[in-house]
Amino acid sequence: MNSIVAIHPYMKEGTWVFDDAAVGLREEPFISGADTIIDRMVADIPDAREGFTLLFSGSAFPGYQLELVWVRADMSGNWYRSPLLGMEGWLCPALLKYFEFPPAKLYAQFRARVPNKTMGPTR
């Protein structure tokens, strides 16, 4: 597995979702506080609702903007807390498509998506 994962969330019908064909996910939603954390982190990214890049890892990496600390397991998912934002968010079992076990900490970077002009649409 890669140590840094890149996904490209976008807004669909009022919900942040993402696709990742490599792990079999399509329109996987962020809910229960994870969506609100995203709202805060992309507030200054132009057109984020059309899609942005989210890099994440279980290890700190240069340029990360947000640290999330594991709080507890719940309903086959996991709650993480952002000390920076003072917020919690639930990550569903899809997290285990990227990690063997829920990491004690997650590190994330939120940035504008640069469309790949040779690949067609950004989704």
N, C-alpha and C. Protein backbone atom coordinates (compact mmCIF):
# COMPACT_ATOMS: atom_id res chain seq x y z
N MET A 1 0.83 -1.19 0.00
CA MET A 1 0.00 0.00 0.00
C MET A 1 0.87 1.25 0.00
N ASN A 2 0.36 2.30 -0.62
CA ASN A 2 1.06 3.58 -0.57
C ASN A 2 1.01 4.13 0.84
N SER A 3 2.04 4.88 1.22
CA SER A 3 2.01 5.48 2.55
C SER A 3 1.21 6.78 2.55
N ILE A 4 1.06 7.42 1.37
CA ILE A 4 0.20 8.59 1.24
C ILE A 4 -0.83 8.26 0.16
N VAL A 5 -2.08 8.43 0.50
CA VAL A 5 -3.18 8.13 -0.41
C VAL A 5 -3.77 9.42 -0.91
N ALA A 6 -4.13 9.46 -2.18
CA ALA A 6 -4.81 10.62 -2.77
C ALA A 6 -6.21 10.20 -3.21
N ILE A 7 -7.21 10.93 -2.73
CA ILE A 7 -8.58 10.76 -3.22
C ILE A 7 -9.08 12.13 -3.65
N HIS A 8 -10.21 12.13 -4.33
CA HIS A 8 -10.72 13.39 -4.88
C HIS A 8 -12.21 13.55 -4.55
N PRO A 9 -12.51 13.95 -3.31
CA PRO A 9 -13.91 14.14 -2.92
C PRO A 9 -14.57 15.27 -3.71
N TYR A 10 -15.88 15.17 -3.82
CA TYR A 10 -16.71 16.17 -4.47
C TYR A 10 -18.09 16.14 -3.83
N MET A 11 -18.85 17.17 -4.06
CA MET A 11 -20.18 17.28 -3.47
C MET A 11 -21.21 16.70 -4.44
N LYS A 12 -22.04 15.80 -3.92
CA LYS A 12 -23.14 15.25 -4.71
C LYS A 12 -24.40 15.27 -3.85
N GLU A 13 -25.40 16.00 -4.33
CA GLU A 13 -26.68 16.10 -3.64
C GLU A 13 -26.50 16.48 -2.17
N GLY A 14 -25.60 17.42 -1.92
CA GLY A 14 -25.40 17.95 -0.57
C GLY A 14 -24.53 17.11 0.33
N THR A 15 -23.88 16.09 -0.21
CA THR A 15 -23.03 15.20 0.60
C THR A 15 -21.66 15.10 -0.05
N TRP A 16 -20.60 15.18 0.78
CA TRP A 16 -19.25 14.93 0.27
C TRP A 16 -19.12 13.44 0.01
N VAL A 17 -18.67 13.09 -1.20
CA VAL A 17 -18.45 11.70 -1.58
C VAL A 17 -17.13 11.60 -2.35
N PHE A 18 -16.66 10.37 -2.54
CA PHE A 18 -15.48 10.16 -3.38
C PHE A 18 -15.57 8.81 -4.06
N ASP A 19 -14.84 8.68 -5.14
CA ASP A 19 -14.75 7.44 -5.90
C ASP A 19 -13.29 6.97 -5.84
N ASP A 20 -13.10 5.68 -5.75
CA ASP A 20 -11.77 5.11 -5.85
C ASP A 20 -11.89 3.71 -6.42
N ALA A 21 -11.82 3.63 -7.74
CA ALA A 21 -11.98 2.36 -8.43
C ALA A 21 -10.94 1.33 -7.99
N ALA A 22 -9.77 1.80 -7.59
CA ALA A 22 -8.69 0.88 -7.19
C ALA A 22 -9.07 0.02 -5.99
N VAL A 23 -9.98 0.52 -5.14
CA VAL A 23 -10.41 -0.24 -3.96
C VAL A 23 -11.91 -0.54 -3.99
N GLY A 24 -12.54 -0.30 -5.14
CA GLY A 24 -13.94 -0.66 -5.31
C GLY A 24 -14.95 0.27 -4.67
N LEU A 25 -14.63 1.56 -4.56
CA LEU A 25 -15.56 2.51 -3.94
C LEU A 25 -16.11 3.47 -4.99
N ARG A 26 -17.41 3.73 -4.90
CA ARG A 26 -18.06 4.70 -5.77
C ARG A 26 -19.05 5.50 -4.93
N GLU A 27 -18.93 6.81 -5.00
CA GLU A 27 -19.80 7.73 -4.25
C GLU A 27 -19.86 7.37 -2.77
N GLU A 28 -18.69 7.05 -2.22
CA GLU A 28 -18.57 6.74 -0.78
C GLU A 28 -18.75 8.03 0.00
N PRO A 29 -19.73 8.11 0.91
CA PRO A 29 -20.01 9.38 1.58
C PRO A 29 -19.16 9.62 2.83
N PHE A 30 -18.94 10.88 3.12
CA PHE A 30 -18.40 11.33 4.40
C PHE A 30 -19.59 11.86 5.19
N ILE A 31 -19.80 11.33 6.40
CA ILE A 31 -20.94 11.73 7.21
C ILE A 31 -20.52 11.90 8.67
N SER A 32 -21.46 12.23 9.52
CA SER A 32 -21.29 12.24 10.98
C SER A 32 -20.06 13.01 11.44
N GLY A 33 -19.96 14.24 11.01
CA GLY A 33 -18.88 15.11 11.45
C GLY A 33 -17.70 15.16 10.51
N ALA A 34 -17.41 14.07 9.80
CA ALA A 34 -16.32 14.10 8.81
C ALA A 34 -16.65 15.10 7.72
N ASP A 35 -17.93 15.20 7.37
CA ASP A 35 -18.37 16.17 6.36
C ASP A 35 -18.16 17.61 6.83
N THR A 36 -18.41 17.86 8.09
CA THR A 36 -18.23 19.20 8.64
C THR A 36 -16.76 19.57 8.73
N ILE A 37 -15.92 18.61 9.05
CA ILE A 37 -14.47 18.84 9.05
C ILE A 37 -14.02 19.21 7.64
N ILE A 38 -14.51 18.49 6.64
CA ILE A 38 -14.15 18.82 5.26
C ILE A 38 -14.61 20.23 4.92
N ASP A 39 -15.84 20.57 5.28
CA ASP A 39 -16.35 21.93 5.02
C ASP A 39 -15.38 22.98 5.53
N ARG A 40 -14.90 22.80 6.75
CA ARG A 40 -13.97 23.76 7.35
C ARG A 40 -12.64 23.82 6.61
N MET A 41 -12.13 22.65 6.23
CA MET A 41 -10.80 22.59 5.63
C MET A 41 -10.77 23.06 4.18
N VAL A 42 -11.89 23.02 3.49
CA VAL A 42 -11.90 23.44 2.08
C VAL A 42 -12.54 24.80 1.87
N ALA A 43 -12.85 25.49 2.95
CA ALA A 43 -13.55 26.78 2.86
C ALA A 43 -12.84 27.77 1.94
N ASP A 44 -11.52 27.73 1.88
CA ASP A 44 -10.77 28.67 1.04
C ASP A 44 -10.30 28.08 -0.29
N ILE A 45 -10.77 26.89 -0.62
CA ILE A 45 -10.40 26.28 -1.90
C ILE A 45 -11.49 26.61 -2.92
N PRO A 46 -11.14 27.35 -3.97
CA PRO A 46 -12.15 27.70 -4.98
C PRO A 46 -12.76 26.45 -5.61
N ASP A 47 -14.07 26.45 -5.75
CA ASP A 47 -14.81 25.37 -6.42
C ASP A 47 -14.57 23.99 -5.80
N ALA A 48 -14.30 23.93 -4.51
CA ALA A 48 -14.04 22.64 -3.85
C ALA A 48 -15.21 21.68 -4.04
N ARG A 49 -16.42 22.20 -4.09
CA ARG A 49 -17.59 21.32 -4.25
C ARG A 49 -17.56 20.55 -5.57
N GLU A 50 -16.83 21.07 -6.53
CA GLU A 50 -16.68 20.38 -7.82
C GLU A 50 -15.60 19.30 -7.75
N GLY A 51 -14.83 19.31 -6.70
CA GLY A 51 -13.78 18.32 -6.49
C GLY A 51 -12.51 18.97 -5.99
N PHE A 52 -11.86 18.33 -5.05
CA PHE A 52 -10.58 18.76 -4.51
C PHE A 52 -9.75 17.52 -4.26
N THR A 53 -8.48 17.70 -3.97
CA THR A 53 -7.59 16.58 -3.67
C THR A 53 -7.39 16.49 -2.17
N LEU A 54 -7.58 15.31 -1.64
CA LEU A 54 -7.33 15.03 -0.23
C LEU A 54 -6.23 13.98 -0.16
N LEU A 55 -5.10 14.38 0.40
CA LEU A 55 -4.00 13.44 0.66
C LEU A 55 -4.09 13.04 2.12
N PHE A 56 -3.93 11.75 2.41
CA PHE A 56 -3.95 11.31 3.81
C PHE A 56 -3.00 10.15 4.02
N SER A 57 -2.57 10.04 5.28
CA SER A 57 -1.60 9.02 5.64
C SER A 57 -1.70 8.74 7.14
N GLY A 58 -1.24 7.58 7.54
CA GLY A 58 -1.13 7.25 8.96
C GLY A 58 0.15 7.79 9.57
N SER A 59 0.98 8.43 8.75
CA SER A 59 2.23 9.04 9.20
C SER A 59 2.26 10.50 8.77
N ALA A 60 2.86 11.33 9.58
CA ALA A 60 3.00 12.74 9.21
C ALA A 60 3.82 12.85 7.93
N PHE A 61 3.46 13.82 7.09
CA PHE A 61 4.19 14.06 5.85
C PHE A 61 4.31 15.56 5.63
N PRO A 62 5.30 16.00 4.84
CA PRO A 62 5.50 17.43 4.62
C PRO A 62 4.24 18.07 4.03
N GLY A 63 3.82 19.17 4.63
CA GLY A 63 2.67 19.91 4.12
C GLY A 63 1.32 19.47 4.67
N TYR A 64 1.30 18.47 5.57
CA TYR A 64 -0.01 18.08 6.11
C TYR A 64 -0.60 19.28 6.85
N GLN A 65 -1.91 19.39 6.83
CA GLN A 65 -2.60 20.53 7.45
C GLN A 65 -3.43 20.13 8.66
N LEU A 66 -3.76 18.86 8.75
CA LEU A 66 -4.68 18.43 9.80
C LEU A 66 -4.23 17.10 10.37
N GLU A 67 -4.21 17.03 11.69
CA GLU A 67 -3.95 15.78 12.40
C GLU A 67 -5.26 15.33 13.02
N LEU A 68 -5.61 14.07 12.82
CA LEU A 68 -6.79 13.48 13.43
C LEU A 68 -6.34 12.36 14.35
N VAL A 69 -6.86 12.35 15.56
CA VAL A 69 -6.46 11.38 16.58
C VAL A 69 -7.61 10.40 16.82
N TRP A 70 -7.30 9.10 16.77
CA TRP A 70 -8.31 8.08 16.99
C TRP A 70 -8.90 8.24 18.38
N VAL A 71 -10.24 8.14 18.46
CA VAL A 71 -10.94 8.28 19.74
C VAL A 71 -11.57 6.96 20.16
N ARG A 72 -12.34 6.35 19.25
CA ARG A 72 -13.03 5.10 19.61
C ARG A 72 -13.62 4.46 18.36
N ALA A 73 -13.85 3.15 18.46
CA ALA A 73 -14.57 2.42 17.43
C ALA A 73 -16.06 2.55 17.72
N ASP A 74 -16.86 2.56 16.65
CA ASP A 74 -18.31 2.68 16.82
C ASP A 74 -19.00 2.24 15.55
N MET A 75 -19.90 1.27 15.65
CA MET A 75 -20.72 0.82 14.53
C MET A 75 -19.88 0.45 13.31
N SER A 76 -18.85 -0.31 13.49
CA SER A 76 -17.91 -0.80 12.47
C SER A 76 -17.08 0.30 11.82
N GLY A 77 -17.19 1.51 12.32
CA GLY A 77 -16.34 2.62 11.88
C GLY A 77 -15.51 3.12 13.04
N ASN A 78 -14.91 4.29 12.86
CA ASN A 78 -14.03 4.84 13.88
C ASN A 78 -14.19 6.35 13.97
N TRP A 79 -14.20 6.84 15.19
CA TRP A 79 -14.26 8.28 15.45
C TRP A 79 -12.84 8.83 15.59
N TYR A 80 -12.61 9.97 14.95
CA TYR A 80 -11.34 10.68 15.04
C TYR A 80 -11.62 12.10 15.47
N ARG A 81 -10.69 12.68 16.25
CA ARG A 81 -10.83 14.04 16.73
C ARG A 81 -9.71 14.91 16.16
N SER A 82 -10.10 16.11 15.77
CA SER A 82 -9.11 17.10 15.32
C SER A 82 -8.84 18.05 16.47
N PRO A 83 -7.65 17.99 17.08
CA PRO A 83 -7.32 18.97 18.12
C PRO A 83 -7.33 20.41 17.58
N LEU A 84 -6.91 20.60 16.33
CA LEU A 84 -6.87 21.91 15.71
C LEU A 84 -8.26 22.54 15.62
N LEU A 85 -9.23 21.75 15.18
CA LEU A 85 -10.58 22.27 14.97
C LEU A 85 -11.50 22.06 16.17
N GLY A 86 -11.10 21.18 17.09
CA GLY A 86 -11.97 20.88 18.22
C GLY A 86 -13.23 20.15 17.77
N MET A 87 -13.09 19.29 16.76
CA MET A 87 -14.22 18.59 16.17
C MET A 87 -13.92 17.10 16.06
N GLU A 88 -14.99 16.30 16.06
CA GLU A 88 -14.87 14.87 15.82
C GLU A 88 -15.61 14.49 14.55
N GLY A 89 -15.13 13.44 13.90
CA GLY A 89 -15.80 12.91 12.72
C GLY A 89 -15.67 11.40 12.67
N TRP A 90 -16.70 10.77 12.15
CA TRP A 90 -16.74 9.31 12.03
C TRP A 90 -16.29 8.90 10.65
N LEU A 91 -15.39 7.95 10.58
CA LEU A 91 -14.94 7.39 9.31
C LEU A 91 -15.45 5.96 9.23
N CYS A 92 -16.13 5.67 8.14
CA CYS A 92 -16.78 4.38 7.96
C CYS A 92 -15.76 3.27 7.71
N PRO A 93 -16.23 2.02 7.60
CA PRO A 93 -15.32 0.89 7.39
C PRO A 93 -14.49 0.98 6.11
N ALA A 94 -14.83 1.88 5.20
CA ALA A 94 -14.01 2.06 3.99
C ALA A 94 -12.58 2.46 4.34
N LEU A 95 -12.37 3.00 5.53
CA LEU A 95 -11.02 3.34 5.98
C LEU A 95 -10.10 2.12 5.89
N LEU A 96 -10.69 0.93 6.12
CA LEU A 96 -9.89 -0.30 6.12
C LEU A 96 -9.55 -0.77 4.71
N LYS A 97 -9.99 -0.06 3.70
CA LYS A 97 -9.53 -0.31 2.32
C LYS A 97 -8.12 0.24 2.15
N TYR A 98 -7.74 1.15 3.05
CA TYR A 98 -6.44 1.83 2.95
C TYR A 98 -5.46 1.45 4.07
N PHE A 99 -5.99 0.91 5.16
CA PHE A 99 -5.16 0.55 6.32
C PHE A 99 -5.61 -0.81 6.83
N GLU A 100 -4.66 -1.61 7.29
CA GLU A 100 -5.01 -2.92 7.85
C GLU A 100 -5.82 -2.75 9.14
N PHE A 101 -5.43 -1.76 9.94
CA PHE A 101 -6.13 -1.42 11.19
C PHE A 101 -6.32 0.09 11.21
N PRO A 102 -7.31 0.61 11.92
CA PRO A 102 -7.45 2.06 12.02
C PRO A 102 -6.20 2.66 12.66
N PRO A 103 -5.56 3.62 11.99
CA PRO A 103 -4.35 4.22 12.56
C PRO A 103 -4.66 5.04 13.81
N ALA A 104 -3.68 5.11 14.70
CA ALA A 104 -3.82 5.94 15.91
C ALA A 104 -3.97 7.41 15.54
N LYS A 105 -3.34 7.80 14.44
CA LYS A 105 -3.44 9.18 13.95
C LYS A 105 -3.54 9.15 12.44
N LEU A 106 -4.27 10.11 11.91
CA LEU A 106 -4.32 10.35 10.47
C LEU A 106 -3.84 11.76 10.21
N TYR A 107 -3.14 11.94 9.13
CA TYR A 107 -2.65 13.26 8.72
C TYR A 107 -3.22 13.55 7.33
N ALA A 108 -3.67 14.78 7.14
CA ALA A 108 -4.35 15.11 5.89
C ALA A 108 -3.93 16.46 5.33
N GLN A 109 -3.99 16.55 4.02
CA GLN A 109 -3.77 17.81 3.31
C GLN A 109 -4.92 17.98 2.32
N PHE A 110 -5.48 19.17 2.28
CA PHE A 110 -6.60 19.50 1.41
C PHE A 110 -6.11 20.54 0.41
N ARG A 111 -6.29 20.26 -0.89
CA ARG A 111 -5.82 21.23 -1.87
C ARG A 111 -6.69 21.19 -3.12
N ALA A 112 -6.59 22.26 -3.89
CA ALA A 112 -7.35 22.35 -5.13
C ALA A 112 -6.94 21.22 -6.06
N ARG A 113 -7.90 20.71 -6.78
CA ARG A 113 -7.62 19.65 -7.73
C ARG A 113 -7.22 20.26 -9.06
N VAL A 114 -6.16 19.74 -9.61
CA VAL A 114 -5.72 20.18 -10.92
C VAL A 114 -6.23 19.14 -11.91
N PRO A 115 -7.16 19.52 -12.78
CA PRO A 115 -7.71 18.54 -13.72
C PRO A 115 -6.63 18.00 -14.65
N ASN A 116 -6.73 16.72 -14.93
CA ASN A 116 -5.83 16.06 -15.87
C ASN A 116 -6.46 16.20 -17.24
N LYS A 117 -5.94 17.08 -18.05
CA LYS A 117 -6.54 17.39 -19.35
C LYS A 117 -6.51 16.21 -20.32
N THR A 118 -5.63 15.24 -20.08
CA THR A 118 -5.56 14.10 -20.99
C THR A 118 -6.50 12.98 -20.59
N MET A 119 -7.06 13.05 -19.39
CA MET A 119 -7.89 11.97 -18.89
C MET A 119 -9.38 12.26 -18.94
N GLY A 120 -9.81 13.41 -19.43
CA GLY A 120 -11.22 13.72 -19.48
C GLY A 120 -11.71 14.36 -18.20
N PRO A 121 -12.97 14.14 -17.81
CA PRO A 121 -13.53 14.77 -16.61
C PRO A 121 -12.74 14.44 -15.35
N THR A 122 -12.86 15.31 -14.35
CA THR A 122 -12.08 15.16 -13.13
C THR A 122 -12.59 14.06 -12.22
N ARG A 123 -13.73 13.50 -12.47
CA ARG A 123 -14.23 12.42 -11.61
C ARG A 123 -14.01 11.11 -12.26
